[in-house]
């Protein structure tokens, strides 16, 4: 019996002398991990927003720069089909070619079409009268030819202006719309300049005709003399 007690005591003592082994476990802060995940998600969203802002800025920049090709609209139109000055205008009367070939050909054709006097009748006139007749024919034909050419050119402009109308859907961004608007304004300015040139040309030809008529009247006076120099009429 005593032996058993001592054995139990010895076992208790040995158990008390042995070091106690304790299990070690890592401490995990779940709240901190969740907060970190939220921060990463927020940063990802901010990055996506920044990328979208950058893409939008790039699109806006591209919409304001670059070439949209609006300057190539209405190409091949002869905008300077009328003489630029009086020397060119008078030169076009006697030319059969050159820069204003169509105008010159029209003048010669109209002079022949408007002619009433035959060459034999013209030959019977004095040199001064022949000069006056030729000048009158040229002035009338020049005015007719320029007016007809301006009318023909104005009529063909409808097809050219249609290109500007058809280009409206192609102006898909701000730069395209601004370029198209500038092109339309430039075309309006050129049309206005052309109308002004035609009006001034008409006034120039009208002034030339007035000068011719005045010269003809003076030649009549020079040929006949002043009424004051005529002999008195012996009336009964």
C-alpha atoms as a PDB file:
ATOM      1  CA  UNK A   1       0.000   0.000   0.000  1.00  0.00           C
ATOM      2  CA  UNK A   2       2.762   2.406   0.990  1.00  0.00           C
ATOM      3  CA  UNK A   3       4.551   1.456  -2.152  1.00  0.00           C
ATOM      4  CA  UNK A   4       1.574   2.482  -4.283  1.00  0.00           C
ATOM      5  CA  UNK A   5       1.294   5.833  -2.517  1.00  0.00           C
ATOM      6  CA  UNK A   6       4.913   6.588  -3.079  1.00  0.00           C
ATOM      7  CA  UNK A   7       4.525   5.707  -6.713  1.00  0.00           C
ATOM      8  CA  UNK A   8       1.615   8.082  -7.096  1.00  0.00           C
ATOM      9  CA  UNK A   9       3.489  10.787  -5.206  1.00  0.00           C
ATOM     10  CA  UNK A  10       6.519  10.308  -7.377  1.00  0.00           C
ATOM     11  CA  UNK A  11       4.376  10.578 -10.448  1.00  0.00           C
ATOM     12  CA  UNK A  12       2.807  13.803  -9.143  1.00  0.00           C
ATOM     13  CA  UNK A  13       6.195  15.243  -8.331  1.00  0.00           C
ATOM     14  CA  UNK A  14       7.590  14.309 -11.700  1.00  0.00           C
ATOM     15  CA  UNK A  15       4.655  15.944 -13.345  1.00  0.00           C
ATOM     16  CA  UNK A  16       5.243  19.073 -11.329  1.00  0.00           C
ATOM     17  CA  UNK A  17       8.906  19.192 -12.252  1.00  0.00           C
ATOM     18  CA  UNK A  18       8.304  18.873 -16.017  1.00  0.00           C
ATOM     19  CA  UNK A  19       7.911  22.205 -17.911  1.00  0.00           C
ATOM     20  CA  UNK A  20       4.460  22.942 -19.135  1.00  0.00           C
ATOM     21  CA  UNK A  21       4.279  23.223 -22.925  1.00  0.00           C
ATOM     22  CA  UNK A  22       1.870  25.921 -24.176  1.00  0.00           C
ATOM     23  CA  UNK A  23       0.509  26.122 -27.792  1.00  0.00           C
ATOM     24  CA  UNK A  24       1.391  29.383 -29.696  1.00  0.00           C
ATOM     25  CA  UNK A  25      -1.282  30.800 -32.172  1.00  0.00           C
ATOM     26  CA  UNK A  26      -0.960  34.013 -34.461  1.00  0.00           C
ATOM     27  CA  UNK A  27      -3.368  36.779 -33.583  1.00  0.00           C
ATOM     28  CA  UNK A  28      -5.416  37.922 -36.718  1.00  0.00           C
ATOM     29  CA  UNK A  29      -7.060  41.352 -36.672  1.00  0.00           C
ATOM     30  CA  UNK A  30     -10.083  40.821 -38.961  1.00  0.00           C
ATOM     31  CA  UNK A  31     -11.198  44.454 -38.696  1.00  0.00           C
ATOM     32  CA  UNK A  32      -7.839  45.746 -39.914  1.00  0.00           C
ATOM     33  CA  UNK A  33      -7.933  43.389 -42.893  1.00  0.00           C
ATOM     34  CA  UNK A  34     -11.422  44.529 -43.862  1.00  0.00           C
ATOM     35  CA  UNK A  35     -10.316  48.172 -43.595  1.00  0.00           C
ATOM     36  CA  UNK A  36      -7.318  47.442 -45.839  1.00  0.00           C
ATOM     37  CA  UNK A  37      -9.574  45.786 -48.423  1.00  0.00           C
ATOM     38  CA  UNK A  38     -11.829  48.853 -48.420  1.00  0.00           C
ATOM     39  CA  UNK A  39      -8.840  51.133 -48.948  1.00  0.00           C
ATOM     40  CA  UNK A  40      -7.572  49.055 -51.870  1.00  0.00           C
ATOM     41  CA  UNK A  41     -11.050  49.106 -53.446  1.00  0.00           C
ATOM     42  CA  UNK A  42     -11.237  52.877 -53.024  1.00  0.00           C
ATOM     43  CA  UNK A  43      -7.826  53.326 -54.631  1.00  0.00           C
ATOM     44  CA  UNK A  44      -8.868  51.113 -57.539  1.00  0.00           C
ATOM     45  CA  UNK A  45     -12.004  53.178 -58.086  1.00  0.00           C
ATOM     46  CA  UNK A  46      -9.994  56.390 -57.945  1.00  0.00           C
ATOM     47  CA  UNK A  47      -7.577  54.990 -60.519  1.00  0.00           C
ATOM     48  CA  UNK A  48     -10.436  54.077 -62.835  1.00  0.00           C
ATOM     49  CA  UNK A  49     -11.888  57.578 -62.437  1.00  0.00           C
ATOM     50  CA  UNK A  50      -8.504  59.123 -63.239  1.00  0.00           C
ATOM     51  CA  UNK A  51      -8.162  56.951 -66.334  1.00  0.00           C
ATOM     52  CA  UNK A  52     -11.658  57.945 -67.501  1.00  0.00           C
ATOM     53  CA  UNK A  53     -10.848  61.633 -66.919  1.00  0.00           C
ATOM     54  CA  UNK A  54      -7.622  61.297 -68.890  1.00  0.00           C
ATOM     55  CA  UNK A  55      -9.405  59.548 -71.748  1.00  0.00           C
ATOM     56  CA  UNK A  56     -12.075  62.258 -71.815  1.00  0.00           C
ATOM     57  CA  UNK A  57      -9.401  64.978 -71.828  1.00  0.00           C
ATOM     58  CA  UNK A  58      -7.598  63.252 -74.694  1.00  0.00           C
ATOM     59  CA  UNK A  59     -10.841  63.028 -76.676  1.00  0.00           C
ATOM     60  CA  UNK A  60     -11.576  66.708 -76.056  1.00  0.00           C
ATOM     61  CA  UNK A  61      -8.055  67.626 -77.139  1.00  0.00           C
ATOM     62  CA  UNK A  62      -8.343  65.568 -80.312  1.00  0.00           C
ATOM     63  CA  UNK A  63     -11.711  67.232 -80.983  1.00  0.00           C
ATOM     64  CA  UNK A  64     -10.027  70.644 -80.997  1.00  0.00           C
ATOM     65  CA  UNK A  65      -6.882  69.922 -83.026  1.00  0.00           C
ATOM     66  CA  UNK A  66      -5.998  68.241 -86.278  1.00  0.00           C
ATOM     67  CA  UNK A  67      -7.099  68.514 -89.880  1.00  0.00           C
ATOM     68  CA  UNK A  68     -10.679  67.696 -90.848  1.00  0.00           C
ATOM     69  CA  UNK A  69     -10.205  68.340 -94.587  1.00  0.00           C
ATOM     70  CA  UNK A  70     -12.835  71.082 -94.774  1.00  0.00           C
ATOM     71  CA  UNK A  71     -10.431  73.244 -96.769  1.00  0.00           C
ATOM     72  CA  UNK A  72     -10.670  70.736 -99.625  1.00  0.00           C
ATOM     73  CA  UNK A  73     -14.356  71.424-100.166  1.00  0.00           C
ATOM     74  CA  UNK A  74     -15.361  73.197-103.409  1.00  0.00           C
ATOM     75  CA  UNK A  75     -12.097  72.703-105.251  1.00  0.00           C
ATOM     76  CA  UNK A  76     -11.627  73.410-108.949  1.00  0.00           C
ATOM     77  CA  UNK A  77     -13.876  76.488-109.038  1.00  0.00           C
ATOM     78  CA  UNK A  78     -12.551  79.338-111.197  1.00  0.00           C
ATOM     79  CA  UNK A  79     -13.130  82.331-108.957  1.00  0.00           C
ATOM     80  CA  UNK A  80     -11.147  84.833-111.011  1.00  0.00           C
ATOM     81  CA  UNK A  81     -12.907  84.398-114.343  1.00  0.00           C
ATOM     82  CA  UNK A  82     -13.290  88.154-114.850  1.00  0.00           C
ATOM     83  CA  UNK A  83     -10.403  90.562-115.574  1.00  0.00           C
ATOM     84  CA  UNK A  84      -8.802  92.108-112.520  1.00  0.00           C
ATOM     85  CA  UNK A  85      -8.207  95.579-113.942  1.00  0.00           C
ATOM     86  CA  UNK A  86      -9.095  97.842-116.859  1.00  0.00           C
ATOM     87  CA  UNK A  87      -6.012  96.892-118.879  1.00  0.00           C
ATOM     88  CA  UNK A  88      -6.919  93.210-118.746  1.00  0.00           C
ATOM     89  CA  UNK A  89     -10.534  94.042-119.548  1.00  0.00           C
ATOM     90  CA  UNK A  90      -9.632  96.006-122.675  1.00  0.00           C
ATOM     91  CA  UNK A  91      -7.061  93.381-123.623  1.00  0.00           C
ATOM     92  CA  UNK A  92      -9.716  90.667-123.472  1.00  0.00           C
ATOM     93  CA  UNK A  93     -11.657  92.433-126.227  1.00  0.00           C
ATOM     94  CA  UNK A  94      -9.075  91.771-128.920  1.00  0.00           C
ATOM     95  CA  UNK A  95      -7.610  88.516-127.605  1.00  0.00           C
ATOM     96  CA  UNK A  96      -8.501  85.084-128.924  1.00  0.00           C
ATOM     97  CA  UNK A  97      -6.729  83.203-126.155  1.00  0.00           C
ATOM     98  CA  UNK A  98      -4.974  83.900-122.886  1.00  0.00           C
ATOM     99  CA  UNK A  99      -6.322  83.812-119.366  1.00  0.00           C
ATOM    100  CA  UNK A 100      -9.753  85.103-120.380  1.00  0.00           C
ATOM    101  CA  UNK A 101     -10.283  83.061-123.514  1.00  0.00           C
ATOM    102  CA  UNK A 102     -13.966  82.392-122.833  1.00  0.00           C
ATOM    103  CA  UNK A 103     -14.646  86.083-122.265  1.00  0.00           C
ATOM    104  CA  UNK A 104     -12.753  87.093-125.414  1.00  0.00           C
ATOM    105  CA  UNK A 105     -14.531  84.506-127.538  1.00  0.00           C
ATOM    106  CA  UNK A 106     -17.880  85.656-126.200  1.00  0.00           C
ATOM    107  CA  UNK A 107     -17.109  89.289-127.033  1.00  0.00           C
ATOM    108  CA  UNK A 108     -16.116  88.508-130.625  1.00  0.00           C
ATOM    109  CA  UNK A 109     -19.180  86.324-131.127  1.00  0.00           C
ATOM    110  CA  UNK A 110     -21.542  88.967-129.751  1.00  0.00           C
ATOM    111  CA  UNK A 111     -19.969  91.738-131.813  1.00  0.00           C
ATOM    112  CA  UNK A 112     -20.703  89.784-134.974  1.00  0.00           C
ATOM    113  CA  UNK A 113     -24.206  88.853-133.794  1.00  0.00           C
ATOM    114  CA  UNK A 114     -25.083  92.450-132.906  1.00  0.00           C
ATOM    115  CA  UNK A 115     -23.718  93.928-136.119  1.00  0.00           C
ATOM    116  CA  UNK A 116     -26.267  95.520-138.472  1.00  0.00           C
ATOM    117  CA  UNK A 117     -24.143  97.578-140.827  1.00  0.00           C
ATOM    118  CA  UNK A 118     -22.352  95.678-143.565  1.00  0.00           C
ATOM    119  CA  UNK A 119     -18.615  96.056-144.150  1.00  0.00           C
ATOM    120  CA  UNK A 120     -19.424  98.093-147.281  1.00  0.00           C
ATOM    121  CA  UNK A 121     -21.559 100.505-145.274  1.00  0.00           C
ATOM    122  CA  UNK A 122     -18.869 100.815-142.632  1.00  0.00           C
ATOM    123  CA  UNK A 123     -16.263 101.557-145.294  1.00  0.00           C
ATOM    124  CA  UNK A 124     -18.275 104.575-146.397  1.00  0.00           C
ATOM    125  CA  UNK A 125     -17.986 106.143-142.949  1.00  0.00           C
ATOM    126  CA  UNK A 126     -15.208 108.463-141.907  1.00  0.00           C
ATOM    127  CA  UNK A 127     -12.316 107.063-139.832  1.00  0.00           C
ATOM    128  CA  UNK A 128     -13.637 108.796-136.719  1.00  0.00           C
ATOM    129  CA  UNK A 129     -17.091 107.364-137.281  1.00  0.00           C
ATOM    130  CA  UNK A 130     -15.665 103.896-137.821  1.00  0.00           C
ATOM    131  CA  UNK A 131     -13.715 104.180-134.557  1.00  0.00           C
ATOM    132  CA  UNK A 132     -16.843 105.281-132.724  1.00  0.00           C
ATOM    133  CA  UNK A 133     -18.832 102.410-134.213  1.00  0.00           C
ATOM    134  CA  UNK A 134     -16.177  99.843-133.294  1.00  0.00           C
ATOM    135  CA  UNK A 135     -15.927 101.202-129.744  1.00  0.00           C
ATOM    136  CA  UNK A 136     -19.710 101.102-129.329  1.00  0.00           C
ATOM    137  CA  UNK A 137     -19.851  97.507-130.547  1.00  0.00           C
ATOM    138  CA  UNK A 138     -17.051  96.450-128.228  1.00  0.00           C
ATOM    139  CA  UNK A 139     -18.611  98.189-125.236  1.00  0.00           C
ATOM    140  CA  UNK A 140     -21.994  96.530-125.784  1.00  0.00           C
ATOM    141  CA  UNK A 141     -20.482  93.100-126.447  1.00  0.00           C
ATOM    142  CA  UNK A 142     -18.179  93.398-123.442  1.00  0.00           C
ATOM    143  CA  UNK A 143     -21.065  94.168-121.120  1.00  0.00           C
ATOM    144  CA  UNK A 144     -23.133  91.324-122.580  1.00  0.00           C
ATOM    145  CA  UNK A 145     -20.310  88.796-122.364  1.00  0.00           C
ATOM    146  CA  UNK A 146     -19.326  89.604-118.782  1.00  0.00           C
ATOM    147  CA  UNK A 147     -22.955  89.536-117.652  1.00  0.00           C
ATOM    148  CA  UNK A 148     -23.581  86.175-119.296  1.00  0.00           C
ATOM    149  CA  UNK A 149     -20.401  84.657-117.920  1.00  0.00           C
ATOM    150  CA  UNK A 150     -21.244  85.899-114.429  1.00  0.00           C
ATOM    151  CA  UNK A 151     -24.723  84.382-114.755  1.00  0.00           C
ATOM    152  CA  UNK A 152     -23.350  81.028-115.903  1.00  0.00           C
ATOM    153  CA  UNK A 153     -20.804  80.970-113.091  1.00  0.00           C
ATOM    154  CA  UNK A 154     -23.425  81.887-110.498  1.00  0.00           C
ATOM    155  CA  UNK A 155     -25.693  79.086-111.713  1.00  0.00           C
ATOM    156  CA  UNK A 156     -22.949  76.489-111.340  1.00  0.00           C
ATOM    157  CA  UNK A 157     -22.344  77.634-107.774  1.00  0.00           C
ATOM    158  CA  UNK A 158     -25.470  75.826-106.587  1.00  0.00           C
ATOM    159  CA  UNK A 159     -23.749  72.479-107.073  1.00  0.00           C
ATOM    160  CA  UNK A 160     -20.636  73.778-105.312  1.00  0.00           C
ATOM    161  CA  UNK A 161     -22.590  75.103-102.329  1.00  0.00           C
ATOM    162  CA  UNK A 162     -24.333  71.739-102.070  1.00  0.00           C
ATOM    163  CA  UNK A 163     -20.957  70.290-101.068  1.00  0.00           C
ATOM    164  CA  UNK A 164     -20.966  72.492 -97.975  1.00  0.00           C
ATOM    165  CA  UNK A 165     -24.478  71.364 -97.102  1.00  0.00           C
ATOM    166  CA  UNK A 166     -23.547  67.706 -97.590  1.00  0.00           C
ATOM    167  CA  UNK A 167     -20.496  68.145 -95.362  1.00  0.00           C
ATOM    168  CA  UNK A 168     -22.564  69.124 -92.315  1.00  0.00           C
ATOM    169  CA  UNK A 169     -23.044  65.505 -91.064  1.00  0.00           C
ATOM    170  CA  UNK A 170     -19.294  64.891 -91.343  1.00  0.00           C
ATOM    171  CA  UNK A 171     -18.581  67.599 -88.749  1.00  0.00           C
ATOM    172  CA  UNK A 172     -18.803  65.100 -85.904  1.00  0.00           C
ATOM    173  CA  UNK A 173     -16.673  66.974 -83.381  1.00  0.00           C
ATOM    174  CA  UNK A 174     -15.969  70.520 -82.271  1.00  0.00           C
ATOM    175  CA  UNK A 175     -12.951  70.999 -84.567  1.00  0.00           C
ATOM    176  CA  UNK A 176     -14.866  69.713 -87.583  1.00  0.00           C
ATOM    177  CA  UNK A 177     -17.798  72.013 -86.861  1.00  0.00           C
ATOM    178  CA  UNK A 178     -15.506  75.028 -86.432  1.00  0.00           C
ATOM    179  CA  UNK A 179     -13.594  74.213 -89.618  1.00  0.00           C
ATOM    180  CA  UNK A 180     -16.821  73.818 -91.589  1.00  0.00           C
ATOM    181  CA  UNK A 181     -18.157  77.090 -90.201  1.00  0.00           C
ATOM    182  CA  UNK A 182     -14.933  78.849 -91.191  1.00  0.00           C
ATOM    183  CA  UNK A 183     -15.107  77.316 -94.669  1.00  0.00           C
ATOM    184  CA  UNK A 184     -18.689  78.533 -95.114  1.00  0.00           C
ATOM    185  CA  UNK A 185     -17.713  82.025 -93.970  1.00  0.00           C
ATOM    186  CA  UNK A 186     -14.782  82.043 -96.402  1.00  0.00           C
ATOM    187  CA  UNK A 187     -17.081  81.024 -99.246  1.00  0.00           C
ATOM    188  CA  UNK A 188     -19.526  83.771 -98.291  1.00  0.00           C
ATOM    189  CA  UNK A 189     -16.693  86.316 -98.337  1.00  0.00           C
ATOM    190  CA  UNK A 190     -15.573  85.168-101.796  1.00  0.00           C
ATOM    191  CA  UNK A 191     -19.128  85.344-103.134  1.00  0.00           C
ATOM    192  CA  UNK A 192     -19.532  88.833-101.720  1.00  0.00           C
ATOM    193  CA  UNK A 193     -16.238  89.869-103.287  1.00  0.00           C
ATOM    194  CA  UNK A 194     -17.343  88.429-106.616  1.00  0.00           C
ATOM    195  CA  UNK A 195     -20.656  90.314-106.469  1.00  0.00           C
ATOM    196  CA  UNK A 196     -18.805  93.534-105.652  1.00  0.00           C
ATOM    197  CA  UNK A 197     -16.434  92.974-108.569  1.00  0.00           C
ATOM    198  CA  UNK A 198     -19.336  92.418-110.981  1.00  0.00           C
ATOM    199  CA  UNK A 199     -21.081  95.578-109.763  1.00  0.00           C
ATOM    200  CA  UNK A 200     -17.912  97.665-110.132  1.00  0.00           C
ATOM    201  CA  UNK A 201     -17.279  96.166-113.556  1.00  0.00           C
ATOM    202  CA  UNK A 202     -20.758  97.149-114.685  1.00  0.00           C
ATOM    203  CA  UNK A 203     -20.224 100.680-113.428  1.00  0.00           C
ATOM    204  CA  UNK A 204     -16.877 100.839-115.249  1.00  0.00           C
ATOM    205  CA  UNK A 205     -18.411  99.736-118.533  1.00  0.00           C
ATOM    206  CA  UNK A 206     -21.296 102.144-118.089  1.00  0.00           C
ATOM    207  CA  UNK A 207     -18.858 104.996-117.467  1.00  0.00           C
ATOM    208  CA  UNK A 208     -16.940 103.953-120.566  1.00  0.00           C
ATOM    209  CA  UNK A 209     -20.123 104.086-122.613  1.00  0.00           C
ATOM    210  CA  UNK A 210     -20.949 107.542-121.286  1.00  0.00           C
ATOM    211  CA  UNK A 211     -17.459 108.689-122.231  1.00  0.00           C
ATOM    212  CA  UNK A 212     -17.908 107.264-125.737  1.00  0.00           C
ATOM    213  CA  UNK A 213     -21.218 109.070-126.197  1.00  0.00           C
ATOM    214  CA  UNK A 214     -19.705 112.320-124.996  1.00  0.00           C
ATOM    215  CA  UNK A 215     -16.826 111.884-127.411  1.00  0.00           C
ATOM    216  CA  UNK A 216     -19.282 111.236-130.245  1.00  0.00           C
ATOM    217  CA  UNK A 217     -21.190 114.399-129.454  1.00  0.00           C
ATOM    218  CA  UNK A 218     -18.020 116.447-129.432  1.00  0.00           C
ATOM    219  CA  UNK A 219     -16.992 114.968-132.745  1.00  0.00           C
ATOM    220  CA  UNK A 220     -20.328 115.997-134.219  1.00  0.00           C
ATOM    221  CA  UNK A 221     -19.804 119.529-132.970  1.00  0.00           C
ATOM    222  CA  UNK A 222     -16.256 119.531-134.308  1.00  0.00           C
ATOM    223  CA  UNK A 223     -17.451 118.339-137.706  1.00  0.00           C
ATOM    224  CA  UNK A 224     -20.361 120.696-138.023  1.00  0.00           C
ATOM    225  CA  UNK A 225     -19.042 123.678-136.091  1.00  0.00           C
ATOM    226  CA  UNK A 226     -20.813 125.677-133.436  1.00  0.00           C
ATOM    227  CA  UNK A 227     -24.323 126.945-134.124  1.00  0.00           C
ATOM    228  CA  UNK A 228     -22.976 130.414-133.597  1.00  0.00           C
ATOM    229  CA  UNK A 229     -20.745 130.076-136.636  1.00  0.00           C
ATOM    230  CA  UNK A 230     -23.564 129.076-138.955  1.00  0.00           C
ATOM    231  CA  UNK A 231     -24.687 131.716-141.422  1.00  0.00           C
ATOM    232  CA  UNK A 232     -27.832 133.547-140.635  1.00  0.00           C
ATOM    233  CA  UNK A 233     -31.003 132.265-142.149  1.00  0.00           C
ATOM    234  CA  UNK A 234     -32.586 134.634-144.638  1.00  0.00           C
ATOM    235  CA  UNK A 235     -36.215 134.144-143.835  1.00  0.00           C
ATOM    236  CA  UNK A 236     -38.799 135.951-145.922  1.00  0.00           C
END
